[in-house]
């Protein structure tokens, strides 16, 4: 049996952003690009040709900041020998939502000639050096919960990022709620997860197509017309649970990602990211928090053969 080290396996108790930092903006205008939330859901509408000129300018500003940020990281590496990478995180109902969208963004915006030329001008590097630096210092944070909610294919999504030369700077190990076939009873039980602190996007699969909702309450309001559809809900649940009391989880997706990592390591940075312990329905909060976190880490290590 081939064993791979599990470097920097971490557990996070809360999200990087606090509810206070996100909630001043309407919730359907908060998106996550990397480790911070930005009030730019309008930029997602821009990508669909529906946003005003102000949003276009906002997107342009963000695009110009990324090469500047990479240039700063290049300077840090030169001065200290320490290499730092910014990992942008695709998330449901956001400007970068799917792995295909993320790959296109990197290829068409960051790795394209204009992006590389801007970085070269900022750093004094040759175009070849600038492209290498761009690929080294900016990449993707692959959140397993987000990918599962988007009905990504585990193997194909990782292969796409690798084929496009996009560095996977971090692998966030997390699991989502899954309702295999929505009915009145499962919708009623899901209402207990519609809490106001975090954003719980929903992706619905029916008749071969996907429909997205910005938050669970909006999805539940349309539940009567979605009978029989599969729902995946962006609510991080303990990774060691294959089943909840009334529906399932996307643990199988996570297990497949860990199997792929065990065979061919995906990232040097793995993080267990269940941050919702204090907002889970009461029936799931009866276990000591420390014991639950230890159980999560043990489950992950077991999947990796450690």
Protein backbone atom coordinates (compact mmCIF):
# COMPACT_ATOMS: atom_id res chain seq x y z
CA UNK A 1 0.00 0.00 0.00
CA UNK A 2 1.37 3.38 -1.02
CA UNK A 3 1.10 5.92 1.75
CA UNK A 4 1.17 9.66 1.16
CA UNK A 5 1.87 12.23 3.86
CA UNK A 6 -1.01 14.38 5.00
CA UNK A 7 0.74 17.74 5.34
CA UNK A 8 -0.98 20.66 7.03
CA UNK A 9 -4.22 18.82 7.72
CA UNK A 10 -6.11 21.55 9.49
CA UNK A 11 -9.51 22.12 11.03
CA UNK A 12 -11.29 25.44 10.93
CA UNK A 13 -13.92 26.41 13.47
CA UNK A 14 -15.36 29.41 11.62
CA UNK A 15 -15.31 30.81 8.12
CA UNK A 16 -12.72 33.45 7.33
CA UNK A 17 -15.42 36.02 6.84
CA UNK A 18 -17.66 36.81 9.80
CA UNK A 19 -21.43 37.25 9.47
CA UNK A 20 -20.89 40.91 10.33
CA UNK A 21 -18.49 41.39 7.43
CA UNK A 22 -20.87 39.82 4.92
CA UNK A 23 -24.38 40.68 6.02
CA UNK A 24 -24.31 44.48 5.55
CA UNK A 25 -24.84 43.68 1.86
CA UNK A 26 -27.97 41.99 0.50
CA UNK A 27 -27.23 38.30 0.65
CA UNK A 28 -27.76 37.80 -3.08
CA UNK A 29 -24.95 40.30 -3.67
CA UNK A 30 -22.27 38.46 -1.67
CA UNK A 31 -19.93 36.15 -3.51
CA UNK A 32 -16.71 34.47 -2.55
CA UNK A 33 -13.57 34.95 -4.61
CA UNK A 34 -10.81 33.18 -2.77
CA UNK A 35 -10.62 33.77 0.97
CA UNK A 36 -12.81 36.88 1.10
CA UNK A 37 -16.41 37.71 0.37
CA UNK A 38 -17.14 40.60 -1.97
CA UNK A 39 -20.47 42.39 -2.59
CA UNK A 40 -20.31 41.67 -6.29
CA UNK A 41 -23.04 39.21 -7.20
CA UNK A 42 -23.85 41.84 -9.83
CA UNK A 43 -20.59 40.72 -11.50
CA UNK A 44 -22.11 37.33 -12.05
CA UNK A 45 -24.98 38.99 -13.88
CA UNK A 46 -22.37 40.90 -15.85
CA UNK A 47 -20.92 37.62 -17.07
CA UNK A 48 -24.41 36.80 -18.38
CA UNK A 49 -24.67 40.18 -20.13
CA UNK A 50 -27.17 41.59 -17.62
CA UNK A 51 -25.21 44.01 -15.47
CA UNK A 52 -24.82 47.79 -15.58
CA UNK A 53 -21.70 49.71 -16.52
CA UNK A 54 -20.78 50.12 -12.84
CA UNK A 55 -20.44 46.37 -12.48
CA UNK A 56 -18.24 46.26 -15.59
CA UNK A 57 -15.91 48.77 -13.97
CA UNK A 58 -15.93 46.75 -10.74
CA UNK A 59 -14.92 43.59 -12.56
CA UNK A 60 -12.19 45.46 -14.41
CA UNK A 61 -10.80 46.73 -11.09
CA UNK A 62 -10.76 43.21 -9.65
CA UNK A 63 -8.97 41.85 -12.72
CA UNK A 64 -6.32 44.56 -12.51
CA UNK A 65 -5.73 43.85 -8.83
CA UNK A 66 -4.92 40.19 -9.32
CA UNK A 67 -1.70 40.72 -11.35
CA UNK A 68 -0.71 43.42 -8.86
CA UNK A 69 -1.25 40.97 -6.05
CA UNK A 70 0.84 38.34 -7.85
CA UNK A 71 3.58 40.94 -8.36
CA UNK A 72 3.58 41.55 -4.61
CA UNK A 73 3.93 37.81 -3.98
CA UNK A 74 6.79 37.64 -6.46
CA UNK A 75 8.52 40.36 -4.43
CA UNK A 76 7.99 38.46 -1.18
CA UNK A 77 9.47 35.32 -2.74
CA UNK A 78 12.50 37.26 -3.95
CA UNK A 79 13.11 38.89 -0.56
CA UNK A 80 12.35 35.96 1.76
CA UNK A 81 12.52 32.80 -0.31
CA UNK A 82 8.95 32.02 0.78
CA UNK A 83 6.45 31.25 -1.97
CA UNK A 84 2.84 32.27 -1.29
CA UNK A 85 -0.11 31.48 -3.53
CA UNK A 86 -3.55 33.08 -3.68
CA UNK A 87 -6.25 30.45 -4.16
CA UNK A 88 -9.53 31.59 -5.70
CA UNK A 89 -12.48 29.48 -4.58
CA UNK A 90 -15.38 28.70 -6.93
CA UNK A 91 -18.70 28.70 -5.07
CA UNK A 92 -22.33 28.11 -6.08
CA UNK A 93 -24.18 31.20 -7.33
CA UNK A 94 -20.96 33.20 -7.60
CA UNK A 95 -19.00 34.82 -10.40
CA UNK A 96 -16.65 31.82 -10.39
CA UNK A 97 -19.14 29.03 -9.81
CA UNK A 98 -18.08 25.87 -11.60
CA UNK A 99 -14.71 24.33 -12.39
CA UNK A 100 -15.31 25.04 -16.09
CA UNK A 101 -15.94 28.71 -15.30
CA UNK A 102 -12.84 28.88 -13.13
CA UNK A 103 -10.69 27.28 -15.81
CA UNK A 104 -12.00 29.67 -18.44
CA UNK A 105 -11.35 32.64 -16.14
CA UNK A 106 -7.73 31.63 -15.63
CA UNK A 107 -7.08 30.87 -19.29
CA UNK A 108 -8.87 33.90 -20.74
CA UNK A 109 -8.12 36.51 -18.07
CA UNK A 110 -5.01 35.65 -16.06
CA UNK A 111 -2.89 33.36 -18.22
CA UNK A 112 -3.75 35.18 -21.44
CA UNK A 113 -1.25 37.50 -23.11
CA UNK A 114 -2.66 40.69 -21.56
CA UNK A 115 -2.56 39.35 -18.00
CA UNK A 116 0.97 38.01 -18.39
CA UNK A 117 2.14 41.26 -20.02
CA UNK A 118 0.75 43.30 -17.11
CA UNK A 119 2.58 41.12 -14.60
CA UNK A 120 5.80 41.34 -16.62
CA UNK A 121 5.52 45.13 -16.62
CA UNK A 122 4.99 45.19 -12.86
CA UNK A 123 7.87 42.83 -12.03
CA UNK A 124 10.38 43.44 -14.81
CA UNK A 125 10.26 39.74 -15.71
CA UNK A 126 10.31 38.30 -19.19
CA UNK A 127 6.94 37.08 -20.54
CA UNK A 128 7.96 33.48 -19.90
CA UNK A 129 9.04 34.26 -16.34
CA UNK A 130 5.84 36.25 -15.72
CA UNK A 131 3.61 33.42 -16.95
CA UNK A 132 5.44 30.94 -14.71
CA UNK A 133 5.05 33.31 -11.77
CA UNK A 134 1.35 33.78 -12.49
CA UNK A 135 0.79 30.03 -12.51
CA UNK A 136 2.88 29.59 -9.35
CA UNK A 137 1.33 32.37 -7.25
CA UNK A 138 -2.36 32.18 -8.15
CA UNK A 139 -4.54 29.13 -8.39
CA UNK A 140 -7.69 27.48 -7.13
CA UNK A 141 -8.97 26.41 -3.75
CA UNK A 142 -10.98 23.27 -4.52
CA UNK A 143 -13.82 23.18 -2.01
CA UNK A 144 -15.22 19.66 -2.15
CA UNK A 145 -18.61 20.70 -0.76
CA UNK A 146 -18.99 23.41 -3.42
CA UNK A 147 -17.99 21.03 -6.21
CA UNK A 148 -20.44 18.38 -5.02
CA UNK A 149 -23.28 20.91 -4.79
CA UNK A 150 -22.53 21.88 -8.41
CA UNK A 151 -22.80 18.21 -9.50
CA UNK A 152 -19.20 18.26 -10.71
CA UNK A 153 -17.51 15.00 -11.65
CA UNK A 154 -14.67 14.44 -9.13
CA UNK A 155 -12.16 12.90 -11.51
CA UNK A 156 -12.99 15.07 -14.52
CA UNK A 157 -12.93 18.34 -12.56
CA UNK A 158 -9.49 17.67 -11.09
CA UNK A 159 -8.24 16.54 -14.50
CA UNK A 160 -9.55 19.77 -16.08
CA UNK A 161 -7.63 21.97 -13.66
CA UNK A 162 -4.46 19.94 -14.13
CA UNK A 163 -4.78 19.93 -17.93
CA UNK A 164 -5.11 23.72 -17.91
CA UNK A 165 -2.06 24.14 -15.68
CA UNK A 166 -4.05 25.64 -12.79
CA UNK A 167 -2.42 25.11 -9.42
CA UNK A 168 -4.71 23.65 -6.74
CA UNK A 169 -3.37 25.55 -3.77
CA UNK A 170 -5.73 24.07 -1.23
CA UNK A 171 -8.16 21.17 -0.97
CA UNK A 172 -11.01 21.96 1.41
CA UNK A 173 -12.52 18.74 2.70
CA UNK A 174 -16.21 19.21 3.29
CA UNK A 175 -19.57 17.58 2.71
CA UNK A 176 -23.00 18.98 1.80
CA UNK A 177 -26.64 18.04 2.30
CA UNK A 178 -28.13 15.84 -0.43
CA UNK A 179 -31.81 15.10 -1.01
CA UNK A 180 -32.04 12.35 -3.62
CA UNK A 181 -35.73 12.93 -4.40
CA UNK A 182 -37.42 15.97 -2.96
CA UNK A 183 -40.85 15.54 -1.43
CA UNK A 184 -43.02 17.41 1.06
CA UNK A 185 -41.52 15.62 4.05
CA UNK A 186 -37.88 16.22 3.09
CA UNK A 187 -38.63 19.89 2.35
CA UNK A 188 -40.18 20.23 5.79
CA UNK A 189 -37.10 18.74 7.46
CA UNK A 190 -34.79 20.94 5.37
CA UNK A 191 -36.44 24.03 6.83
CA UNK A 192 -34.51 23.36 10.08
CA UNK A 193 -31.28 24.11 8.16
CA UNK A 194 -32.49 27.50 6.86
CA UNK A 195 -30.62 29.56 9.44
CA UNK A 196 -29.71 33.25 8.92
CA UNK A 197 -25.97 33.30 9.67
CA UNK A 198 -24.47 31.63 6.59
CA UNK A 199 -25.40 31.43 2.92
CA UNK A 200 -26.81 28.03 1.91
CA UNK A 201 -27.09 27.97 -1.87
CA UNK A 202 -29.11 25.17 -3.47
CA UNK A 203 -28.58 23.46 -6.82
CA UNK A 204 -31.50 21.44 -8.14
CA UNK A 205 -31.11 18.70 -10.74
CA UNK A 206 -34.16 17.57 -12.69
CA UNK A 207 -34.82 16.51 -16.27
CA UNK A 208 -31.10 16.65 -17.00
CA UNK A 209 -30.80 20.34 -16.13
CA UNK A 210 -29.65 22.42 -13.16
CA UNK A 211 -31.49 25.25 -11.42
CA UNK A 212 -29.83 27.39 -8.77
CA UNK A 213 -31.15 29.25 -5.74
CA UNK A 214 -29.13 31.84 -3.84
CA UNK A 215 -30.24 30.55 -0.41
CA UNK A 216 -32.27 27.74 1.12
CA UNK A 217 -35.38 29.82 1.96
CA UNK A 218 -35.71 30.83 -1.71
CA UNK A 219 -35.43 27.19 -2.76
CA UNK A 220 -37.97 26.03 -0.18
CA UNK A 221 -40.43 28.64 -1.46
CA UNK A 222 -40.33 26.80 -4.82
CA UNK A 223 -40.26 23.27 -3.39
CA UNK A 224 -43.85 22.43 -4.31
CA UNK A 225 -42.92 22.51 -7.98
CA UNK A 226 -39.73 20.48 -7.56
CA UNK A 227 -41.08 17.13 -6.41
CA UNK A 228 -38.76 14.28 -7.38
CA UNK A 229 -35.79 16.53 -8.11
CA UNK A 230 -32.40 16.04 -6.49
CA UNK A 231 -31.29 18.90 -4.28
CA UNK A 232 -27.78 19.59 -3.06
CA UNK A 233 -27.52 22.24 -0.37
CA UNK A 234 -24.42 24.26 0.54
CA UNK A 235 -24.59 23.47 4.22
CA UNK A 236 -21.36 21.96 5.52
CA UNK A 237 -22.20 18.87 7.54
CA UNK A 238 -19.84 16.55 9.47
CA UNK A 239 -17.70 14.67 6.96
CA UNK A 240 -18.07 11.38 8.82
CA UNK A 241 -21.85 11.28 8.17
CA UNK A 242 -23.00 9.37 5.10
CA UNK A 243 -26.63 9.89 6.06
CA UNK A 244 -28.49 12.50 8.08
CA UNK A 245 -31.71 11.68 9.92
CA UNK A 246 -33.97 12.50 6.97
CA UNK A 247 -31.71 12.74 3.91
CA UNK A 248 -28.22 12.03 2.70
CA UNK A 249 -24.92 13.86 2.29
CA UNK A 250 -22.30 14.18 -0.44
CA UNK A 251 -19.81 12.13 1.55
CA UNK A 252 -19.34 9.75 -1.41
CA UNK A 253 -18.07 12.68 -3.51
CA UNK A 254 -15.57 13.57 -0.78
CA UNK A 255 -14.46 9.96 -0.45
CA UNK A 256 -13.78 9.84 -4.20
CA UNK A 257 -11.71 13.04 -4.05
CA UNK A 258 -9.66 11.57 -1.20
CA UNK A 259 -9.21 8.35 -3.18
CA UNK A 260 -7.88 10.40 -6.10
CA UNK A 261 -5.59 12.34 -3.75
CA UNK A 262 -4.27 9.12 -2.26
CA UNK A 263 -3.40 7.80 -5.71
CA UNK A 264 -1.95 11.07 -7.02
CA UNK A 265 -1.78 13.96 -4.50
CA UNK A 266 -3.95 16.89 -5.55
CA UNK A 267 -2.64 19.55 -3.16
CA UNK A 268 -0.08 19.95 -0.39
CA UNK A 269 -2.63 21.76 1.77
CA UNK A 270 -5.65 19.84 3.04
CA UNK A 271 -8.16 21.48 5.36
CA UNK A 272 -11.21 19.97 7.04
CA UNK A 273 -13.75 22.76 6.78
CA UNK A 274 -16.88 22.09 8.79
CA UNK A 275 -17.66 25.48 10.30
CA UNK A 276 -21.38 25.09 10.94
CA UNK A 277 -21.33 23.23 14.25
CA UNK A 278 -23.06 26.05 16.13
CA UNK A 279 -25.89 26.40 13.59
CA UNK A 280 -26.68 22.72 12.97
CA UNK A 281 -30.15 21.63 14.13
CA UNK A 282 -30.14 20.66 17.79
CA UNK A 283 -30.25 16.90 17.13
CA UNK A 284 -26.77 17.10 15.54
CA UNK A 285 -25.22 19.20 18.32
CA UNK A 286 -25.47 16.70 21.14
CA UNK A 287 -21.91 15.41 20.67
CA UNK A 288 -18.96 17.18 22.28
CA UNK A 289 -17.42 19.57 19.73
CA UNK A 290 -13.86 18.42 20.33
CA UNK A 291 -14.87 14.78 19.95
CA UNK A 292 -16.74 15.55 16.72
CA UNK A 293 -13.74 17.38 15.23
CA UNK A 294 -11.43 14.53 16.22
CA UNK A 295 -13.84 12.09 14.57
CA UNK A 296 -13.74 14.14 11.35
CA UNK A 297 -9.94 14.11 11.27
CA UNK A 298 -9.87 10.39 12.00
CA UNK A 299 -12.33 9.71 9.17
CA UNK A 300 -10.22 11.70 6.69
CA UNK A 301 -7.00 10.00 7.77
CA UNK A 302 -8.73 6.64 7.45
CA UNK A 303 -9.75 7.45 3.87
CA UNK A 304 -6.11 8.28 3.15
CA UNK A 305 -4.86 5.03 4.65
CA UNK A 306 -3.20 6.66 7.65
